[in-house]
Every structure is written in C-alpha cells, then in structure tokens.
C-alpha cells in the first residue's frame, strides 16, 4: 500500500536487498535491510533512495522485492 500510494510504478527505478547483506537490529531481532530507488518528485534529474527493514516474518523482504520487480517487469512489456 505504501508503494502504490506514494510511488507509482513509473517512478520506481530499482528495488533490492542490501548488497552487503547487513541486518538492522532492534529488540534483539535482526531484520534484513532492503530498499528502492525512485525518481524524485520535486527534482526531475534526481533520484531518491529509501531503506527499509523487514518487520513481519510473514512478509519477508525477499517477497516484497520479488513483487516489486515483477510489477516493474510487467510495466516494461
């Protein structure tokens, strides 16, 4: 819902896991870090990067990334 509300697919450039496979540590529970790159909504020549960490094991970062990449590929067709 966050992505659809704030970042239409046409603005997304990349989505993936942290290439160094780092984890964010909070409350003794490590979570995978992932992020996406999108076109800036204010500066046409700029990009913005957002970093996230897994919150719920039912929705792991790998599934979020897979979904976003599939949606991006579908828009390219």
Protein backbone atom coordinates (compact mmCIF):
# COMPACT_ATOMS: atom_id res chain seq x y z
CA UNK A 1 0.00 0.00 0.00
CA UNK A 2 2.86 2.40 0.84
CA UNK A 3 4.45 1.95 -2.58
CA UNK A 4 1.21 2.36 -4.52
CA UNK A 5 0.17 5.42 -2.55
CA UNK A 6 3.47 7.31 -2.65
CA UNK A 7 5.42 5.85 -5.56
CA UNK A 8 3.63 4.90 -8.77
CA UNK A 9 5.43 2.18 -10.71
CA UNK A 10 6.51 4.72 -13.32
CA UNK A 11 8.70 6.42 -10.70
CA UNK A 12 10.49 3.27 -9.45
CA UNK A 13 13.96 2.57 -10.85
CA UNK A 14 15.32 -0.26 -8.68
CA UNK A 15 14.40 -2.46 -5.72
CA UNK A 16 16.72 -4.89 -3.96
CA UNK A 17 18.39 -6.24 -0.85
CA UNK A 18 21.39 -4.59 0.78
CA UNK A 19 24.31 -5.81 -1.36
CA UNK A 20 26.41 -6.26 1.79
CA UNK A 21 23.66 -8.38 3.38
CA UNK A 22 23.56 -6.27 6.53
CA UNK A 23 20.77 -6.57 9.04
CA UNK A 24 19.06 -3.97 11.17
CA UNK A 25 19.00 -4.87 14.86
CA UNK A 26 16.08 -3.82 17.05
CA UNK A 27 14.79 -5.52 20.18
CA UNK A 28 17.35 -8.33 19.66
CA UNK A 29 15.66 -9.35 16.41
CA UNK A 30 17.78 -8.95 13.27
CA UNK A 31 15.92 -7.90 10.12
CA UNK A 32 17.13 -7.86 6.50
CA UNK A 33 17.64 -4.40 5.01
CA UNK A 34 16.23 -3.61 1.59
CA UNK A 35 15.46 -0.50 -0.37
CA UNK A 36 14.34 1.09 -3.57
CA UNK A 37 15.39 3.94 -5.83
CA UNK A 38 12.78 6.21 -7.40
CA UNK A 39 12.67 9.38 -9.43
CA UNK A 40 12.47 12.45 -7.24
CA UNK A 41 9.01 14.03 -7.26
CA UNK A 42 10.49 17.50 -6.90
CA UNK A 43 13.69 17.41 -8.98
CA UNK A 44 13.40 15.76 -12.40
CA UNK A 45 17.13 14.96 -12.66
CA UNK A 46 17.40 13.49 -9.16
CA UNK A 47 16.67 10.09 -7.59
CA UNK A 48 15.71 9.26 -4.02
CA UNK A 49 16.66 6.13 -2.10
CA UNK A 50 14.54 4.64 0.67
CA UNK A 51 15.81 1.96 3.03
CA UNK A 52 13.58 -0.43 4.94
CA UNK A 53 13.94 -3.44 7.21
CA UNK A 54 11.74 -6.49 7.46
CA UNK A 55 9.06 -6.10 10.07
CA UNK A 56 6.99 -9.24 9.84
CA UNK A 57 8.40 -12.71 9.05
CA UNK A 58 5.14 -13.47 7.21
CA UNK A 59 6.14 -10.80 4.66
CA UNK A 60 9.92 -11.16 4.24
CA UNK A 61 11.94 -8.61 2.29
CA UNK A 62 12.58 -11.16 -0.46
CA UNK A 63 8.83 -11.37 -1.19
CA UNK A 64 8.45 -7.60 -1.26
CA UNK A 65 11.37 -7.29 -3.68
CA UNK A 66 10.07 -10.10 -5.85
CA UNK A 67 6.64 -8.47 -6.08
CA UNK A 68 8.05 -5.04 -6.95
CA UNK A 69 10.42 -6.48 -9.58
CA UNK A 70 7.58 -8.46 -11.15
CA UNK A 71 5.42 -5.35 -11.31
CA UNK A 72 8.28 -3.36 -12.84
CA UNK A 73 8.86 -6.03 -15.50
CA UNK A 74 5.15 -6.09 -16.33
CA UNK A 75 5.14 -2.34 -16.95
CA UNK A 76 8.11 -2.66 -19.33
CA UNK A 77 6.18 -5.03 -21.61
